[in-house]
N, C-alpha and C. Protein backbone atom coordinates (compact mmCIF):
# COMPACT_ATOMS: atom_id res chain seq x y z
N MET A 1 150.42 30.19 186.66
CA MET A 1 151.17 29.20 185.91
C MET A 1 151.35 29.70 184.48
N LYS A 2 152.57 29.69 184.01
CA LYS A 2 152.87 30.15 182.67
C LYS A 2 152.94 28.96 181.72
N ILE A 3 152.24 29.06 180.60
CA ILE A 3 152.22 27.98 179.61
C ILE A 3 152.95 28.45 178.37
N ASP A 4 153.84 27.62 177.88
CA ASP A 4 154.60 27.93 176.67
C ASP A 4 153.69 27.72 175.44
N VAL A 5 153.44 28.78 174.72
CA VAL A 5 152.54 28.74 173.56
C VAL A 5 153.04 27.77 172.50
N THR A 6 154.33 27.67 172.31
CA THR A 6 154.89 26.76 171.31
C THR A 6 154.53 25.32 171.62
N ASN A 7 154.64 24.93 172.88
CA ASN A 7 154.28 23.56 173.26
C ASN A 7 152.79 23.30 173.10
N VAL A 8 151.97 24.27 173.39
CA VAL A 8 150.52 24.12 173.22
C VAL A 8 150.21 23.89 171.75
N ARG A 9 150.82 24.66 170.87
CA ARG A 9 150.59 24.49 169.43
C ARG A 9 151.00 23.09 168.97
N ARG A 10 152.13 22.63 169.46
CA ARG A 10 152.60 21.29 169.09
C ARG A 10 151.62 20.22 169.53
N MET A 11 151.14 20.34 170.74
CA MET A 11 150.20 19.35 171.26
C MET A 11 148.87 19.39 170.52
N LEU A 12 148.43 20.57 170.15
CA LEU A 12 147.16 20.69 169.44
C LEU A 12 147.22 20.03 168.06
N ARG A 13 148.39 20.04 167.44
CA ARG A 13 148.54 19.37 166.13
C ARG A 13 148.24 17.88 166.24
N LEU A 14 148.55 17.30 167.36
CA LEU A 14 148.32 15.86 167.54
C LEU A 14 146.84 15.52 167.51
N ASN A 15 145.99 16.49 167.79
CA ASN A 15 144.54 16.26 167.75
C ASN A 15 144.03 15.99 166.35
N SER A 16 144.79 16.38 165.34
CA SER A 16 144.33 16.17 163.97
C SER A 16 144.87 14.87 163.37
N LEU A 17 145.50 14.06 164.18
CA LEU A 17 146.02 12.78 163.71
C LEU A 17 144.87 11.79 163.53
N ALA A 18 144.91 11.04 162.44
CA ALA A 18 143.86 10.07 162.12
C ALA A 18 143.67 9.08 163.28
N PRO A 19 142.42 8.77 163.61
CA PRO A 19 142.15 7.88 164.75
C PRO A 19 142.83 6.52 164.65
N ASP A 20 142.90 5.94 163.47
CA ASP A 20 143.54 4.63 163.34
C ASP A 20 145.05 4.71 163.57
N ILE A 21 145.66 5.84 163.24
CA ILE A 21 147.08 6.02 163.51
C ILE A 21 147.31 6.19 165.01
N VAL A 22 146.44 6.94 165.67
CA VAL A 22 146.52 7.09 167.13
C VAL A 22 146.38 5.73 167.80
N GLU A 23 145.41 4.94 167.36
CA GLU A 23 145.19 3.61 167.93
C GLU A 23 146.42 2.72 167.74
N ALA A 24 147.02 2.78 166.56
CA ALA A 24 148.22 1.98 166.29
C ALA A 24 149.36 2.40 167.23
N ILE A 25 149.52 3.69 167.43
CA ILE A 25 150.57 4.19 168.34
C ILE A 25 150.32 3.68 169.76
N LEU A 26 149.08 3.79 170.22
CA LEU A 26 148.74 3.36 171.58
C LEU A 26 148.91 1.86 171.77
N ASN A 27 148.75 1.10 170.68
CA ASN A 27 148.91 -0.36 170.75
C ASN A 27 150.33 -0.81 170.46
N GLY A 28 151.24 0.16 170.36
CA GLY A 28 152.64 -0.17 170.12
C GLY A 28 152.95 -0.55 168.69
N ARG A 29 152.07 -0.18 167.76
CA ARG A 29 152.27 -0.51 166.35
C ARG A 29 152.36 0.76 165.52
N ALA A 30 153.13 1.72 165.98
CA ALA A 30 153.27 2.99 165.25
C ALA A 30 153.81 2.72 163.85
N PRO A 31 153.27 3.43 162.86
CA PRO A 31 153.77 3.25 161.49
C PRO A 31 155.27 3.53 161.42
N GLU A 32 155.96 2.76 160.61
CA GLU A 32 157.41 2.95 160.45
C GLU A 32 157.69 4.36 159.94
N GLY A 33 158.67 4.99 160.52
CA GLY A 33 159.05 6.33 160.11
C GLY A 33 158.33 7.43 160.86
N LEU A 34 157.36 7.05 161.67
CA LEU A 34 156.61 8.03 162.44
C LEU A 34 157.32 8.29 163.76
N SER A 35 157.63 9.54 164.02
CA SER A 35 158.29 9.89 165.27
C SER A 35 157.65 11.15 165.85
N LEU A 36 157.83 11.35 167.13
CA LEU A 36 157.28 12.54 167.77
C LEU A 36 157.89 13.79 167.16
N ARG A 37 159.15 13.72 166.84
CA ARG A 37 159.82 14.87 166.21
C ARG A 37 159.15 15.22 164.88
N GLN A 38 158.84 14.20 164.11
CA GLN A 38 158.19 14.41 162.82
C GLN A 38 156.78 14.99 163.02
N LEU A 39 156.08 14.53 164.02
CA LEU A 39 154.74 15.04 164.30
C LEU A 39 154.79 16.51 164.70
N HIS A 40 155.83 16.88 165.41
CA HIS A 40 155.96 18.27 165.84
C HIS A 40 156.25 19.20 164.67
N ARG A 41 156.83 18.67 163.62
CA ARG A 41 157.13 19.49 162.44
C ARG A 41 155.88 19.80 161.64
N GLY A 42 154.91 18.94 161.71
CA GLY A 42 153.67 19.18 160.97
C GLY A 42 153.01 17.87 160.56
N ILE A 43 151.71 17.91 160.52
CA ILE A 43 150.90 16.75 160.18
C ILE A 43 149.99 17.16 159.02
N PRO A 44 149.92 16.34 157.96
CA PRO A 44 148.96 16.66 156.92
C PRO A 44 147.55 16.71 157.51
N VAL A 45 146.74 17.64 157.08
CA VAL A 45 145.39 17.79 157.63
C VAL A 45 144.51 16.61 157.22
N SER A 46 144.64 16.18 156.00
CA SER A 46 143.83 15.08 155.48
C SER A 46 144.28 13.75 156.08
N TRP A 47 143.31 13.01 156.62
CA TRP A 47 143.63 11.69 157.17
C TRP A 47 144.12 10.77 156.06
N ARG A 48 143.58 10.90 154.87
CA ARG A 48 144.01 10.09 153.74
C ARG A 48 145.49 10.34 153.45
N LYS A 49 145.89 11.61 153.46
CA LYS A 49 147.29 11.95 153.20
C LYS A 49 148.19 11.44 154.32
N GLN A 50 147.70 11.46 155.55
CA GLN A 50 148.49 10.92 156.66
C GLN A 50 148.74 9.43 156.44
N ARG A 51 147.68 8.73 156.03
CA ARG A 51 147.82 7.27 155.81
C ARG A 51 148.76 6.99 154.64
N GLU A 52 148.70 7.80 153.60
CA GLU A 52 149.61 7.63 152.47
C GLU A 52 151.05 7.88 152.91
N PHE A 53 151.24 8.91 153.71
CA PHE A 53 152.58 9.29 154.16
C PHE A 53 153.20 8.24 155.06
N TRP A 54 152.42 7.72 156.01
CA TRP A 54 152.93 6.75 156.97
C TRP A 54 152.46 5.34 156.69
N GLY A 55 151.73 5.13 155.62
CA GLY A 55 151.16 3.82 155.30
C GLY A 55 152.16 2.83 154.90
């Protein structure tokens, strides 16, 4: 089975998403302006910066 490295990298970025943001997404309360496309472009490493960006 061949795995596309680009897709793996994109999925791994999602692991650094702040837990409260993940919970909000799973509960259907994703922060306004947050999209999968935006997540694929890059996520700030700091959870504080993520909350400021999507807060």
